[in-house]
């Protein structure tokens, strides 16, 4: 297990992702248009998206995340009223991750907040799933293409969600207070 430092681009927001192993999470590359819109909206497409429009995400539990500095800089947007909570830092617009809601023991941490460049493959293991390939930019290699979510990846995510919830790993969460409210009021983004 390793503790991965978290740091926004300007360094105001810092923290730790505790007890991370390739086995206790799921590393995925998401090519969906929502992830691309999120990165582009905050002018972070160069730092977040790969050459095919993919976002490198590690799915883990909110209880593993602790912000030690600048937690008050966390902000949240949603692409639609009932969409994912997409977290970023107000200071420099660094994408942090995606959550489903307070009751779910899940956050998809975006690589841009992880301060482990050069050690990421060792810390998180290889990318296990490539998802939403229909939205990828031209030139996506055939072995990375999946129309939606691969069946076994979907099963693994659901299994993890159930186990993590039963283990109570949705709390504590730096993203939701004890009453289940987002620590920053979500703003619904204008898709235009």
Protein backbone atom coordinates (compact mmCIF):
# COMPACT_ATOMS: atom_id res chain seq x y z
CA UNK A 1 0.00 0.00 0.00
CA UNK A 2 1.11 3.50 -0.77
CA UNK A 3 -0.02 6.98 0.20
CA UNK A 4 -0.21 9.17 -2.90
CA UNK A 5 0.29 12.91 -2.46
CA UNK A 6 -2.45 15.09 -3.90
CA UNK A 7 -1.68 18.59 -5.17
CA UNK A 8 -3.49 21.04 -7.42
CA UNK A 9 -1.57 22.83 -10.19
CA UNK A 10 -0.85 25.95 -8.10
CA UNK A 11 -0.13 24.03 -4.87
CA UNK A 12 -2.84 25.67 -2.72
CA UNK A 13 -4.76 22.40 -2.35
CA UNK A 14 -2.82 19.47 -0.94
CA UNK A 15 -3.70 16.14 0.54
CA UNK A 16 -3.17 12.40 0.58
CA UNK A 17 -4.86 9.39 -0.99
CA UNK A 18 -4.27 6.75 1.71
CA UNK A 19 -3.61 3.03 1.36
CA UNK A 20 -3.76 2.82 -2.42
CA UNK A 21 -2.99 -0.40 -4.25
CA UNK A 22 -3.82 -1.57 -7.76
CA UNK A 23 -6.03 -4.25 -6.16
CA UNK A 24 -8.14 -1.94 -3.96
CA UNK A 25 -9.31 0.29 -6.82
CA UNK A 26 -9.97 0.33 -10.53
CA UNK A 27 -7.89 2.30 -13.00
CA UNK A 28 -9.78 3.28 -16.14
CA UNK A 29 -9.39 5.52 -19.15
CA UNK A 30 -12.68 7.27 -19.91
CA UNK A 31 -13.27 8.80 -23.33
CA UNK A 32 -16.83 10.02 -22.66
CA UNK A 33 -17.97 13.41 -23.87
CA UNK A 34 -18.83 14.43 -20.27
CA UNK A 35 -15.24 13.94 -19.06
CA UNK A 36 -14.01 15.82 -22.12
CA UNK A 37 -16.50 18.65 -21.51
CA UNK A 38 -15.45 18.89 -17.85
CA UNK A 39 -11.76 19.23 -18.75
CA UNK A 40 -12.44 21.64 -21.61
CA UNK A 41 -14.80 23.84 -19.56
CA UNK A 42 -11.98 24.55 -17.10
CA UNK A 43 -9.38 24.85 -19.87
CA UNK A 44 -7.58 21.77 -18.55
CA UNK A 45 -7.86 19.60 -21.66
CA UNK A 46 -4.10 19.76 -22.24
CA UNK A 47 -3.29 18.62 -18.69
CA UNK A 48 -6.13 16.10 -18.30
CA UNK A 49 -6.98 14.50 -21.66
CA UNK A 50 -4.72 12.15 -23.57
CA UNK A 51 -4.26 12.46 -27.34
CA UNK A 52 -7.55 10.59 -27.90
CA UNK A 53 -9.60 12.62 -25.40
CA UNK A 54 -9.29 10.11 -22.55
CA UNK A 55 -9.14 10.88 -18.83
CA UNK A 56 -7.02 8.62 -16.60
CA UNK A 57 -9.15 7.89 -13.51
CA UNK A 58 -8.57 5.75 -10.42
CA UNK A 59 -11.77 4.61 -8.70
CA UNK A 60 -11.43 4.39 -4.93
CA UNK A 61 -13.31 5.35 -1.75
CA UNK A 62 -13.86 8.88 -0.40
CA UNK A 63 -12.64 7.73 3.03
CA UNK A 64 -9.17 7.24 1.52
CA UNK A 65 -8.93 10.94 0.59
CA UNK A 66 -7.85 13.64 3.03
CA UNK A 67 -7.09 17.24 2.16
CA UNK A 68 -4.50 18.75 4.48
CA UNK A 69 -4.40 22.23 2.91
CA UNK A 70 -6.88 24.25 0.89
CA UNK A 71 -9.91 22.01 1.32
CA UNK A 72 -12.02 25.17 1.29
CA UNK A 73 -11.03 25.55 -2.38
CA UNK A 74 -13.05 22.48 -3.45
CA UNK A 75 -15.86 23.32 -5.84
CA UNK A 76 -18.42 21.20 -7.63
CA UNK A 77 -20.23 21.23 -10.96
CA UNK A 78 -22.73 18.89 -12.55
CA UNK A 79 -23.30 18.56 -16.28
CA UNK A 80 -27.00 18.04 -15.64
CA UNK A 81 -29.19 18.42 -12.57
CA UNK A 82 -28.89 14.75 -11.55
CA UNK A 83 -25.45 14.05 -13.02
CA UNK A 84 -22.19 13.13 -11.33
CA UNK A 85 -20.67 15.58 -8.88
CA UNK A 86 -17.52 16.75 -10.64
CA UNK A 87 -15.01 18.26 -8.23
CA UNK A 88 -12.27 20.77 -9.01
CA UNK A 89 -10.20 23.38 -7.19
CA UNK A 90 -11.35 27.00 -7.26
CA UNK A 91 -7.81 28.36 -7.04
CA UNK A 92 -6.52 26.96 -10.36
CA UNK A 93 -9.33 24.79 -11.81
CA UNK A 94 -7.51 21.51 -11.28
CA UNK A 95 -9.96 18.62 -11.82
CA UNK A 96 -10.07 16.45 -8.69
CA UNK A 97 -12.60 13.68 -9.30
CA UNK A 98 -16.15 12.49 -9.80
CA UNK A 99 -18.55 11.27 -7.13
CA UNK A 100 -22.04 9.79 -7.40
CA UNK A 101 -23.40 11.10 -4.10
CA UNK A 102 -22.88 11.08 -0.34
CA UNK A 103 -24.25 7.57 0.12
CA UNK A 104 -21.88 6.00 -2.39
CA UNK A 105 -18.42 4.85 -1.37
CA UNK A 106 -16.91 5.97 -4.66
CA UNK A 107 -14.75 8.65 -6.18
CA UNK A 108 -13.09 8.51 -9.56
CA UNK A 109 -9.90 10.45 -8.82
CA UNK A 110 -8.54 12.24 -11.88
CA UNK A 111 -4.80 11.87 -12.42
CA UNK A 112 -4.27 15.66 -12.56
CA UNK A 113 -4.59 15.97 -8.76
CA UNK A 114 -2.19 13.08 -8.07
CA UNK A 115 1.36 14.21 -7.42
CA UNK A 116 2.99 10.92 -8.37
CA UNK A 117 4.20 11.53 -11.92
CA UNK A 118 6.63 8.80 -12.91
CA UNK A 119 5.34 6.40 -10.24
CA UNK A 120 1.68 6.26 -11.28
CA UNK A 121 1.86 2.91 -13.09
CA UNK A 122 3.61 1.38 -10.10
CA UNK A 123 1.14 2.93 -7.62
CA UNK A 124 -2.10 2.30 -9.54
CA UNK A 125 -1.19 -0.57 -11.84
CA UNK A 126 -2.02 -0.62 -15.53
CA UNK A 127 -5.22 0.80 -16.96
CA UNK A 128 -7.70 -2.07 -16.64
CA UNK A 129 -10.57 -0.64 -18.62
CA UNK A 130 -11.02 1.65 -21.58
CA UNK A 131 -14.58 2.98 -21.66
CA UNK A 132 -16.88 5.02 -23.90
CA UNK A 133 -14.69 4.66 -26.99
CA UNK A 134 -17.42 6.08 -29.26
CA UNK A 135 -16.46 9.55 -27.96
CA UNK A 136 -12.70 9.17 -28.47
CA UNK A 137 -10.86 11.39 -30.89
CA UNK A 138 -9.54 9.96 -34.13
CA UNK A 139 -6.83 7.34 -34.08
CA UNK A 140 -7.90 5.40 -30.99
CA UNK A 141 -6.15 2.00 -31.17
CA UNK A 142 -8.60 -0.88 -31.68
CA UNK A 143 -7.50 -2.60 -28.44
CA UNK A 144 -8.65 0.47 -26.49
CA UNK A 145 -12.09 0.68 -28.09
CA UNK A 146 -15.17 -0.27 -26.11
CA UNK A 147 -18.56 1.11 -27.10
CA UNK A 148 -19.66 1.66 -23.48
CA UNK A 149 -18.45 -0.10 -20.37
CA UNK A 150 -17.00 -3.61 -20.66
CA UNK A 151 -19.24 -6.16 -18.93
CA UNK A 152 -16.64 -7.45 -16.47
CA UNK A 153 -15.52 -3.93 -15.59
CA UNK A 154 -19.13 -3.00 -14.84
CA UNK A 155 -19.50 -6.07 -12.61
CA UNK A 156 -16.26 -5.25 -10.81
CA UNK A 157 -17.38 -1.64 -10.19
CA UNK A 158 -20.76 -2.75 -8.81
CA UNK A 159 -19.08 -5.36 -6.63
CA UNK A 160 -16.66 -2.75 -5.25
CA UNK A 161 -19.54 -0.30 -4.62
CA UNK A 162 -21.42 -2.90 -2.59
CA UNK A 163 -18.39 -4.03 -0.57
CA UNK A 164 -17.15 -0.47 0.06
CA UNK A 165 -20.62 0.62 1.19
CA UNK A 166 -20.97 -2.36 3.54
CA UNK A 167 -17.57 -1.48 4.97
CA UNK A 168 -18.73 2.11 5.54
CA UNK A 169 -16.07 3.60 3.30
CA UNK A 170 -18.36 6.39 2.09
CA UNK A 171 -17.46 8.23 5.32
CA UNK A 172 -15.65 10.33 6.20
CA UNK A 173 -15.74 12.16 2.91
CA UNK A 174 -14.00 15.43 2.11
CA UNK A 175 -16.74 16.05 -0.47
CA UNK A 176 -19.90 15.67 1.63
CA UNK A 177 -20.67 16.75 5.19
CA UNK A 178 -22.09 14.47 7.91
CA UNK A 179 -25.63 15.27 6.71
CA UNK A 180 -24.82 14.21 3.16
CA UNK A 181 -24.70 17.70 1.64
CA UNK A 182 -21.97 18.63 -0.82
CA UNK A 183 -19.31 20.81 0.86
CA UNK A 184 -19.67 23.18 -2.10
CA UNK A 185 -23.06 23.83 -3.67
CA UNK A 186 -23.03 22.16 -7.10
CA UNK A 187 -23.45 24.44 -10.08
CA UNK A 188 -25.09 22.93 -13.15
CA UNK A 189 -22.79 23.68 -16.11
CA UNK A 190 -24.04 25.27 -19.29
CA UNK A 191 -23.26 22.60 -21.91
CA UNK A 192 -23.10 25.27 -24.61
